[in-house]
C-alpha atoms as a PDB file:
ATOM      1  CA  UNK A   1       1.186 -18.439  -5.791  1.00  0.00           C
ATOM      2  CA  UNK A   2       2.234 -15.136  -7.367  1.00  0.00           C
ATOM      3  CA  UNK A   3       4.214 -12.746  -5.239  1.00  0.00           C
ATOM      4  CA  UNK A   4       2.494  -9.382  -4.713  1.00  0.00           C
ATOM      5  CA  UNK A   5       4.253  -6.362  -6.118  1.00  0.00           C
ATOM      6  CA  UNK A   6       5.393  -3.887  -3.474  1.00  0.00           C
ATOM      7  CA  UNK A   7       3.433  -0.651  -3.301  1.00  0.00           C
ATOM      8  CA  UNK A   8       5.150   2.727  -3.157  1.00  0.00           C
ATOM      9  CA  UNK A   9       4.253   4.704  -0.049  1.00  0.00           C
ATOM     10  CA  UNK A  10       5.387   8.217   0.775  1.00  0.00           C
ATOM     11  CA  UNK A  11       6.864   9.643   3.990  1.00  0.00           C
ATOM     12  CA  UNK A  12       3.402  10.689   5.223  1.00  0.00           C
ATOM     13  CA  UNK A  13      -0.102   9.366   4.605  1.00  0.00           C
ATOM     14  CA  UNK A  14      -3.654   9.488   5.903  1.00  0.00           C
ATOM     15  CA  UNK A  15      -5.037   6.028   6.627  1.00  0.00           C
ATOM     16  CA  UNK A  16      -7.869   4.175   8.372  1.00  0.00           C
ATOM     17  CA  UNK A  17      -7.890   1.890  11.414  1.00  0.00           C
ATOM     18  CA  UNK A  18     -11.157   0.023  10.697  1.00  0.00           C
ATOM     19  CA  UNK A  19     -11.192  -2.147  13.848  1.00  0.00           C
ATOM     20  CA  UNK A  20     -11.080   1.028  15.942  1.00  0.00           C
ATOM     21  CA  UNK A  21     -13.563   2.919  13.778  1.00  0.00           C
ATOM     22  CA  UNK A  22     -10.909   5.541  12.973  1.00  0.00           C
ATOM     23  CA  UNK A  23     -11.017   7.153   9.524  1.00  0.00           C
ATOM     24  CA  UNK A  24      -8.366   9.448   8.043  1.00  0.00           C
ATOM     25  CA  UNK A  25      -5.694   9.425  10.750  1.00  0.00           C
ATOM     26  CA  UNK A  26      -2.427  11.153   9.875  1.00  0.00           C
ATOM     27  CA  UNK A  27       0.552   8.796   9.820  1.00  0.00           C
ATOM     28  CA  UNK A  28       4.302   9.168   9.494  1.00  0.00           C
ATOM     29  CA  UNK A  29       6.088   6.340   7.708  1.00  0.00           C
ATOM     30  CA  UNK A  30       9.243   5.517   9.682  1.00  0.00           C
ATOM     31  CA  UNK A  31      11.679   2.882   8.443  1.00  0.00           C
ATOM     32  CA  UNK A  32      13.794   3.513  11.545  1.00  0.00           C
ATOM     33  CA  UNK A  33      11.039   2.283  13.859  1.00  0.00           C
ATOM     34  CA  UNK A  34      10.436  -1.447  14.197  1.00  0.00           C
ATOM     35  CA  UNK A  35       6.892  -1.331  15.539  1.00  0.00           C
ATOM     36  CA  UNK A  36       4.092   1.113  14.805  1.00  0.00           C
ATOM     37  CA  UNK A  37       2.827   3.384  17.573  1.00  0.00           C
ATOM     38  CA  UNK A  38      -0.420   5.238  18.153  1.00  0.00           C
ATOM     39  CA  UNK A  39      -1.132   8.349  20.204  1.00  0.00           C
ATOM     40  CA  UNK A  40      -3.326   7.388  23.170  1.00  0.00           C
ATOM     41  CA  UNK A  41      -4.158   8.764  26.583  1.00  0.00           C
ATOM     42  CA  UNK A  42      -5.321   7.109  29.791  1.00  0.00           C
ATOM     43  CA  UNK A  43      -3.730   3.755  28.904  1.00  0.00           C
ATOM     44  CA  UNK A  44      -4.156   1.321  31.784  1.00  0.00           C
ATOM     45  CA  UNK A  45      -4.980  -2.280  32.569  1.00  0.00           C
ATOM     46  CA  UNK A  46      -7.591  -3.510  35.034  1.00  0.00           C
ATOM     47  CA  UNK A  47      -8.325  -7.190  35.665  1.00  0.00           C
ATOM     48  CA  UNK A  48      -6.883  -8.280  32.314  1.00  0.00           C
ATOM     49  CA  UNK A  49      -8.691  -5.609  30.290  1.00  0.00           C
ATOM     50  CA  UNK A  50      -6.713  -2.830  28.596  1.00  0.00           C
ATOM     51  CA  UNK A  51      -8.362   0.589  28.482  1.00  0.00           C
ATOM     52  CA  UNK A  52      -7.183   3.490  26.324  1.00  0.00           C
ATOM     53  CA  UNK A  53      -8.484   6.740  24.870  1.00  0.00           C
ATOM     54  CA  UNK A  54      -7.902   7.884  21.274  1.00  0.00           C
ATOM     55  CA  UNK A  55      -8.413  11.342  19.887  1.00  0.00           C
ATOM     56  CA  UNK A  56     -10.427  10.935  16.678  1.00  0.00           C
ATOM     57  CA  UNK A  57     -11.878  13.436  14.222  1.00  0.00           C
ATOM     58  CA  UNK A  58     -15.062  13.493  16.321  1.00  0.00           C
ATOM     59  CA  UNK A  59     -13.336  13.881  19.684  1.00  0.00           C
ATOM     60  CA  UNK A  60     -12.046  11.458  22.278  1.00  0.00           C
ATOM     61  CA  UNK A  61     -13.184   7.843  22.138  1.00  0.00           C
ATOM     62  CA  UNK A  62     -12.588   5.234  24.814  1.00  0.00           C
ATOM     63  CA  UNK A  63     -11.701   1.624  24.014  1.00  0.00           C
ATOM     64  CA  UNK A  64     -11.341  -1.609  25.947  1.00  0.00           C
ATOM     65  CA  UNK A  65      -9.773  -4.876  24.796  1.00  0.00           C
ATOM     66  CA  UNK A  66      -8.720  -8.202  26.268  1.00  0.00           C
ATOM     67  CA  UNK A  67      -6.375  -8.852  23.326  1.00  0.00           C
ATOM     68  CA  UNK A  68      -3.130  -7.083  24.235  1.00  0.00           C
ATOM     69  CA  UNK A  69       0.473  -7.694  25.269  1.00  0.00           C
ATOM     70  CA  UNK A  70       3.292  -5.667  26.762  1.00  0.00           C
ATOM     71  CA  UNK A  71       6.657  -5.101  25.073  1.00  0.00           C
ATOM     72  CA  UNK A  72       9.831  -3.235  25.885  1.00  0.00           C
ATOM     73  CA  UNK A  73      10.166  -0.471  23.279  1.00  0.00           C
ATOM     74  CA  UNK A  74      13.232   1.688  22.772  1.00  0.00           C
ATOM     75  CA  UNK A  75      12.155   5.178  21.686  1.00  0.00           C
ATOM     76  CA  UNK A  76      14.046   7.458  19.315  1.00  0.00           C
ATOM     77  CA  UNK A  77      15.789   9.098  22.280  1.00  0.00           C
ATOM     78  CA  UNK A  78      17.209   5.699  23.297  1.00  0.00           C
ATOM     79  CA  UNK A  79      15.100   5.205  26.423  1.00  0.00           C
ATOM     80  CA  UNK A  80      13.483   1.814  26.902  1.00  0.00           C
ATOM     81  CA  UNK A  81       9.964   1.706  28.254  1.00  0.00           C
ATOM     82  CA  UNK A  82       7.318  -0.945  28.742  1.00  0.00           C
ATOM     83  CA  UNK A  83       4.347  -0.296  26.456  1.00  0.00           C
ATOM     84  CA  UNK A  84       0.998  -1.900  25.869  1.00  0.00           C
ATOM     85  CA  UNK A  85       0.629  -3.360  22.374  1.00  0.00           C
ATOM     86  CA  UNK A  86      -2.563  -4.164  20.471  1.00  0.00           C
ATOM     87  CA  UNK A  87      -3.138  -5.838  17.113  1.00  0.00           C
ATOM     88  CA  UNK A  88      -5.437  -4.093  14.675  1.00  0.00           C
ATOM     89  CA  UNK A  89      -5.928  -3.572  10.964  1.00  0.00           C
ATOM     90  CA  UNK A  90      -4.501  -0.625   9.019  1.00  0.00           C
ATOM     91  CA  UNK A  91      -6.179   0.212   5.720  1.00  0.00           C
ATOM     92  CA  UNK A  92      -3.799   1.476   3.028  1.00  0.00           C
ATOM     93  CA  UNK A  93      -4.354   1.496  -0.740  1.00  0.00           C
ATOM     94  CA  UNK A  94      -7.726  -0.217  -0.273  1.00  0.00           C
ATOM     95  CA  UNK A  95      -6.151  -3.211   1.510  1.00  0.00           C
ATOM     96  CA  UNK A  96      -6.111  -4.229   5.156  1.00  0.00           C
ATOM     97  CA  UNK A  97      -2.808  -5.022   6.890  1.00  0.00           C
ATOM     98  CA  UNK A  98      -2.575  -6.474  10.402  1.00  0.00           C
ATOM     99  CA  UNK A  99      -0.357  -4.366  12.606  1.00  0.00           C
ATOM    100  CA  UNK A 100       1.116  -4.668  16.065  1.00  0.00           C
ATOM    101  CA  UNK A 101       0.831  -1.133  17.489  1.00  0.00           C
ATOM    102  CA  UNK A 102       2.235   0.190  20.747  1.00  0.00           C
ATOM    103  CA  UNK A 103       0.080   2.706  22.606  1.00  0.00           C
ATOM    104  CA  UNK A 104       1.883   5.815  23.808  1.00  0.00           C
ATOM    105  CA  UNK A 105       1.532   9.546  24.308  1.00  0.00           C
ATOM    106  CA  UNK A 106       2.582  11.123  20.999  1.00  0.00           C
ATOM    107  CA  UNK A 107       1.157  14.561  21.815  1.00  0.00           C
ATOM    108  CA  UNK A 108       4.573  16.138  21.184  1.00  0.00           C
ATOM    109  CA  UNK A 109       4.686  14.601  17.697  1.00  0.00           C
ATOM    110  CA  UNK A 110       3.144  16.011  14.508  1.00  0.00           C
ATOM    111  CA  UNK A 111       1.369  12.766  13.574  1.00  0.00           C
ATOM    112  CA  UNK A 112      -0.701  10.615  15.923  1.00  0.00           C
ATOM    113  CA  UNK A 113       0.310   7.389  14.142  1.00  0.00           C
ATOM    114  CA  UNK A 114       3.770   6.123  13.272  1.00  0.00           C
ATOM    115  CA  UNK A 115       4.000   3.174  10.856  1.00  0.00           C
ATOM    116  CA  UNK A 116       7.132   1.077  11.390  1.00  0.00           C
ATOM    117  CA  UNK A 117       9.073  -1.612   9.531  1.00  0.00           C
ATOM    118  CA  UNK A 118       7.006  -4.505  10.875  1.00  0.00           C
ATOM    119  CA  UNK A 119       4.090  -3.340   8.684  1.00  0.00           C
ATOM    120  CA  UNK A 120       6.222  -2.068   5.793  1.00  0.00           C
ATOM    121  CA  UNK A 121       8.556  -5.042   5.236  1.00  0.00           C
ATOM    122  CA  UNK A 122       7.938  -6.970   2.004  1.00  0.00           C
ATOM    123  CA  UNK A 123       4.839  -4.874   1.229  1.00  0.00           C
ATOM    124  CA  UNK A 124       5.983  -1.308   0.612  1.00  0.00           C
ATOM    125  CA  UNK A 125       8.813   0.735  -0.854  1.00  0.00           C
ATOM    126  CA  UNK A 126       9.155   4.135   0.812  1.00  0.00           C
ATOM    127  CA  UNK A 127       9.677   7.145  -1.459  1.00  0.00           C
ATOM    128  CA  UNK A 128      10.437  10.047   0.887  1.00  0.00           C
ATOM    129  CA  UNK A 129       9.733  12.591  -1.878  1.00  0.00           C
ATOM    130  CA  UNK A 130       6.049  11.531  -1.893  1.00  0.00           C
ATOM    131  CA  UNK A 131       3.173  11.860   0.563  1.00  0.00           C
ATOM    132  CA  UNK A 132      -0.477  10.826   0.897  1.00  0.00           C
ATOM    133  CA  UNK A 133      -0.346   8.270  -1.938  1.00  0.00           C
ATOM    134  CA  UNK A 134      -2.831   5.902  -0.278  1.00  0.00           C
ATOM    135  CA  UNK A 135      -5.114   8.764   0.741  1.00  0.00           C
ATOM    136  CA  UNK A 136      -5.081  10.308  -2.759  1.00  0.00           C
ATOM    137  CA  UNK A 137      -5.991   6.924  -4.255  1.00  0.00           C
ATOM    138  CA  UNK A 138      -8.843   6.588  -1.734  1.00  0.00           C
ATOM    139  CA  UNK A 139     -10.188  10.051  -2.619  1.00  0.00           C
ATOM    140  CA  UNK A 140     -10.207   9.173  -6.353  1.00  0.00           C
ATOM    141  CA  UNK A 141     -12.264   6.011  -5.769  1.00  0.00           C
END
């Protein structure tokens, strides 16, 4: 089986989360972060079901899933916190990639989605001088 060539991705991009029905979400590519994280509000668990609210281009949308875990995540400021984690697809360069994404309040951040090394490893090379490479390719097609 032939090994896939790594794609070049920039420091920022605009991608899709098809399982969540989210199109054109702004993402920061962060090789310093292990796991990806997504800006959510009202994240809570009731009777084994995880509920969370995303801000999309059409407003706030509520979600519920039974497929989730909890992980200890150390944020950039060094503080460890327990976060809910879901698995979902990210669409970049016309391809879907499974991602483990922690749900957290990123309202103080410029981008609602952070893409970490777990998604990037063995698939992408990050060129920090570039941005929106996947999105620009999508717009052309």
